[in-house]
Amino acid sequence: MKTLTIRNLPPEVAKALEKEKRRRGRSLNQTVIELLGQGLGVGKRRSNGLASLAGSWDEEELARFEEAVAAFETIDHELWR
């Protein structure tokens, strides 16, 4: 096992770590290890969370979505006078 010392930890990071430690109900050491592992994608493939959506719509769902957002594609020329 490797030991790591972190110097000059910004107060806001220390506060956030303390809050996360309490939320998880874990020790500070275990919380930091878990957060580092998650951030580095250790043990699993890294993802931005959108992979489950990519390519999952069928043609009908895509058509409904495009219809729903079509209003955002048009410019209201009266509004921009």
N, C-alpha and C. Protein backbone atom coordinates (compact mmCIF):
# COMPACT_ATOMS: atom_id res chain seq x y z
N MET A 1 0.83 -1.18 0.00
CA MET A 1 0.00 0.00 0.00
C MET A 1 0.88 1.24 0.00
N LYS A 2 0.45 2.21 -0.75
CA LYS A 2 1.17 3.48 -0.84
C LYS A 2 0.52 4.49 0.10
N THR A 3 1.34 5.32 0.70
CA THR A 3 0.86 6.39 1.57
C THR A 3 1.00 7.70 0.83
N LEU A 4 0.00 8.55 0.96
CA LEU A 4 -0.03 9.83 0.26
C LEU A 4 -0.28 10.95 1.26
N THR A 5 0.52 11.98 1.19
CA THR A 5 0.32 13.18 2.01
C THR A 5 -0.08 14.31 1.08
N ILE A 6 -1.14 15.00 1.41
CA ILE A 6 -1.59 16.13 0.61
C ILE A 6 -1.34 17.41 1.40
N ARG A 7 -0.58 18.31 0.81
CA ARG A 7 -0.25 19.57 1.47
C ARG A 7 -1.07 20.71 0.86
N ASN A 8 -1.24 21.75 1.64
CA ASN A 8 -1.89 22.98 1.19
C ASN A 8 -3.30 22.74 0.64
N LEU A 9 -4.06 21.91 1.32
CA LEU A 9 -5.43 21.63 0.92
C LEU A 9 -6.27 22.88 1.14
N PRO A 10 -6.89 23.40 0.09
CA PRO A 10 -7.71 24.60 0.24
C PRO A 10 -8.85 24.36 1.25
N PRO A 11 -9.17 25.35 2.06
CA PRO A 11 -10.21 25.18 3.09
C PRO A 11 -11.55 24.71 2.53
N GLU A 12 -11.93 25.22 1.35
CA GLU A 12 -13.21 24.81 0.78
C GLU A 12 -13.21 23.34 0.38
N VAL A 13 -12.05 22.82 -0.03
CA VAL A 13 -11.94 21.39 -0.37
C VAL A 13 -12.02 20.56 0.92
N ALA A 14 -11.32 21.02 1.95
CA ALA A 14 -11.36 20.31 3.23
C ALA A 14 -12.78 20.25 3.79
N LYS A 15 -13.49 21.37 3.67
CA LYS A 15 -14.88 21.43 4.15
C LYS A 15 -15.77 20.47 3.35
N ALA A 16 -15.59 20.46 2.02
CA ALA A 16 -16.38 19.58 1.16
C ALA A 16 -16.08 18.11 1.47
N LEU A 17 -14.81 17.80 1.73
CA LEU A 17 -14.45 16.42 2.09
C LEU A 17 -15.09 16.01 3.41
N GLU A 18 -15.07 16.91 4.36
CA GLU A 18 -15.67 16.62 5.66
C GLU A 18 -17.18 16.38 5.52
N LYS A 19 -17.82 17.19 4.71
CA LYS A 19 -19.26 17.03 4.46
C LYS A 19 -19.54 15.70 3.76
N GLU A 20 -18.73 15.37 2.78
CA GLU A 20 -18.91 14.11 2.04
C GLU A 20 -18.65 12.91 2.94
N LYS A 21 -17.67 13.02 3.82
CA LYS A 21 -17.36 11.96 4.78
C LYS A 21 -18.58 11.66 5.65
N ARG A 22 -19.19 12.73 6.15
CA ARG A 22 -20.39 12.55 6.99
C ARG A 22 -21.55 11.96 6.18
N ARG A 23 -21.71 12.44 4.94
CA ARG A 23 -22.79 11.94 4.10
C ARG A 23 -22.65 10.44 3.83
N ARG A 24 -21.43 10.01 3.59
CA ARG A 24 -21.18 8.59 3.30
C ARG A 24 -21.11 7.74 4.56
N GLY A 25 -20.89 8.36 5.70
CA GLY A 25 -20.76 7.60 6.94
C GLY A 25 -19.47 6.79 6.95
N ARG A 26 -18.43 7.32 6.36
CA ARG A 26 -17.14 6.64 6.26
C ARG A 26 -16.06 7.49 6.90
N SER A 27 -14.87 6.91 7.04
CA SER A 27 -13.74 7.69 7.52
C SER A 27 -13.28 8.63 6.41
N LEU A 28 -12.53 9.65 6.81
CA LEU A 28 -12.00 10.58 5.82
C LEU A 28 -11.09 9.85 4.84
N ASN A 29 -10.26 8.95 5.34
CA ASN A 29 -9.35 8.20 4.48
C ASN A 29 -10.13 7.39 3.45
N GLN A 30 -11.16 6.66 3.88
CA GLN A 30 -11.94 5.84 2.95
C GLN A 30 -12.69 6.70 1.95
N THR A 31 -13.19 7.83 2.41
CA THR A 31 -13.90 8.75 1.50
C THR A 31 -12.97 9.26 0.41
N VAL A 32 -11.76 9.68 0.79
CA VAL A 32 -10.80 10.18 -0.18
C VAL A 32 -10.41 9.08 -1.17
N ILE A 33 -10.18 7.87 -0.68
CA ILE A 33 -9.83 6.75 -1.56
C ILE A 33 -10.95 6.49 -2.57
N GLU A 34 -12.20 6.48 -2.10
CA GLU A 34 -13.34 6.25 -2.99
C GLU A 34 -13.48 7.36 -4.03
N LEU A 35 -13.34 8.62 -3.58
CA LEU A 35 -13.46 9.75 -4.50
C LEU A 35 -12.35 9.75 -5.54
N LEU A 36 -11.14 9.44 -5.13
CA LEU A 36 -10.04 9.35 -6.09
C LEU A 36 -10.29 8.24 -7.10
N GLY A 37 -10.73 7.10 -6.61
CA GLY A 37 -11.03 5.98 -7.51
C GLY A 37 -12.12 6.33 -8.50
N GLN A 38 -13.18 6.96 -8.03
CA GLN A 38 -14.27 7.36 -8.92
C GLN A 38 -13.79 8.38 -9.94
N GLY A 39 -13.06 9.36 -9.49
CA GLY A 39 -12.58 10.41 -10.38
C GLY A 39 -11.62 9.91 -11.44
N LEU A 40 -10.86 8.88 -11.09
CA LEU A 40 -9.89 8.32 -12.03
C LEU A 40 -10.45 7.16 -12.84
N GLY A 41 -11.68 6.76 -12.52
CA GLY A 41 -12.31 5.68 -13.26
C GLY A 41 -11.72 4.32 -12.96
N VAL A 42 -11.15 4.17 -11.77
CA VAL A 42 -10.55 2.90 -11.38
C VAL A 42 -11.64 1.86 -11.14
N GLY A 43 -11.49 0.71 -11.76
CA GLY A 43 -12.43 -0.38 -11.55
C GLY A 43 -13.65 -0.35 -12.46
N LYS A 44 -13.78 0.71 -13.22
CA LYS A 44 -14.90 0.78 -14.15
C LYS A 44 -14.56 1.75 -15.27
N ARG A 45 -15.30 1.67 -16.31
CA ARG A 45 -15.12 2.57 -17.43
C ARG A 45 -15.60 3.97 -17.08
N ARG A 46 -14.83 4.99 -17.40
CA ARG A 46 -15.24 6.36 -17.11
C ARG A 46 -16.36 6.75 -18.05
N SER A 47 -17.29 7.53 -17.54
CA SER A 47 -18.44 7.94 -18.32
C SER A 47 -18.91 9.31 -17.86
N ASN A 48 -19.47 10.05 -18.78
CA ASN A 48 -20.06 11.34 -18.41
C ASN A 48 -21.53 11.19 -18.04
N GLY A 49 -22.00 9.95 -18.01
CA GLY A 49 -23.37 9.69 -17.63
C GLY A 49 -24.36 9.69 -18.78
N LEU A 50 -23.91 10.06 -19.96
CA LEU A 50 -24.82 10.14 -21.10
C LEU A 50 -24.76 8.90 -21.99
N ALA A 51 -23.83 8.01 -21.74
CA ALA A 51 -23.66 6.83 -22.59
C ALA A 51 -24.94 5.99 -22.67
N SER A 52 -25.68 5.95 -21.59
CA SER A 52 -26.90 5.14 -21.60
C SER A 52 -27.97 5.72 -22.51
N LEU A 53 -27.86 7.00 -22.86
CA LEU A 53 -28.84 7.64 -23.73
C LEU A 53 -28.44 7.60 -25.21
N ALA A 54 -27.16 7.53 -25.47
CA ALA A 54 -26.68 7.61 -26.85
C ALA A 54 -27.21 6.46 -27.68
N GLY A 55 -27.90 6.82 -28.74
CA GLY A 55 -28.39 5.80 -29.66
C GLY A 55 -29.54 4.96 -29.14
N SER A 56 -30.18 5.39 -28.07
CA SER A 56 -31.22 4.55 -27.48
C SER A 56 -32.64 4.95 -27.92
N TRP A 57 -32.77 6.03 -28.68
CA TRP A 57 -34.08 6.44 -29.13
C TRP A 57 -34.42 5.74 -30.44
N ASP A 58 -35.68 5.34 -30.59
CA ASP A 58 -36.10 4.82 -31.89
C ASP A 58 -36.55 6.02 -32.74
N GLU A 59 -36.92 5.76 -33.96
CA GLU A 59 -37.27 6.85 -34.89
C GLU A 59 -38.47 7.66 -34.39
N GLU A 60 -39.45 6.99 -33.80
CA GLU A 60 -40.64 7.70 -33.30
C GLU A 60 -40.28 8.62 -32.15
N GLU A 61 -39.44 8.15 -31.22
CA GLU A 61 -39.03 8.99 -30.09
C GLU A 61 -38.22 10.19 -30.57
N LEU A 62 -37.34 9.98 -31.55
CA LEU A 62 -36.57 11.08 -32.11
C LEU A 62 -37.49 12.12 -32.75
N ALA A 63 -38.47 11.66 -33.51
CA ALA A 63 -39.41 12.57 -34.17
C ALA A 63 -40.18 13.38 -33.13
N ARG A 64 -40.63 12.75 -32.05
CA ARG A 64 -41.35 13.46 -30.99
C ARG A 64 -40.45 14.50 -30.33
N PHE A 65 -39.20 14.13 -30.07
CA PHE A 65 -38.26 15.07 -29.46
C PHE A 65 -38.01 16.27 -30.37
N GLU A 66 -37.74 16.01 -31.64
CA GLU A 66 -37.48 17.10 -32.58
C GLU A 66 -38.69 18.02 -32.72
N GLU A 67 -39.88 17.44 -32.67
CA GLU A 67 -41.10 18.24 -32.73
C GLU A 67 -41.22 19.12 -31.47
N ALA A 68 -40.88 18.55 -30.33
CA ALA A 68 -41.00 19.27 -29.06
C ALA A 68 -40.02 20.43 -28.96
N VAL A 69 -38.85 20.31 -29.57
CA VAL A 69 -37.85 21.37 -29.46
C VAL A 69 -37.79 22.27 -30.70
N ALA A 70 -38.64 22.05 -31.65
CA ALA A 70 -38.62 22.82 -32.90
C ALA A 70 -38.79 24.32 -32.63
N ALA A 71 -39.58 24.67 -31.64
CA ALA A 71 -39.80 26.09 -31.35
C ALA A 71 -38.50 26.79 -30.95
N PHE A 72 -37.56 26.07 -30.40
CA PHE A 72 -36.28 26.66 -29.99
C PHE A 72 -35.36 26.91 -31.18
N GLU A 73 -35.69 26.36 -32.31
CA GLU A 73 -34.87 26.51 -33.51
C GLU A 73 -35.24 27.76 -34.32
N THR A 74 -36.38 28.34 -34.03
CA THR A 74 -36.84 29.49 -34.81
C THR A 74 -36.50 30.80 -34.11
N ILE A 75 -36.31 31.82 -34.91
CA ILE A 75 -36.00 33.14 -34.38
C ILE A 75 -37.26 34.00 -34.47
N ASP A 76 -37.61 34.62 -33.37
CA ASP A 76 -38.75 35.53 -33.32
C ASP A 76 -38.22 36.91 -33.71
N HIS A 77 -38.41 37.26 -34.99
CA HIS A 77 -37.86 38.51 -35.50
C HIS A 77 -38.50 39.74 -34.83
N GLU A 78 -39.74 39.63 -34.39
CA GLU A 78 -40.38 40.74 -33.69
C GLU A 78 -39.67 40.99 -32.35
N LEU A 79 -39.26 39.92 -31.70
CA LEU A 79 -38.60 40.03 -30.41
C LEU A 79 -37.22 40.68 -30.55
N TRP A 80 -36.58 40.50 -31.68
CA TRP A 80 -35.21 40.98 -31.88
C TRP A 80 -35.12 42.31 -32.64
N ARG A 81 -36.18 43.05 -32.70
CA ARG A 81 -36.15 44.36 -33.38
C ARG A 81 -35.46 45.38 -32.55
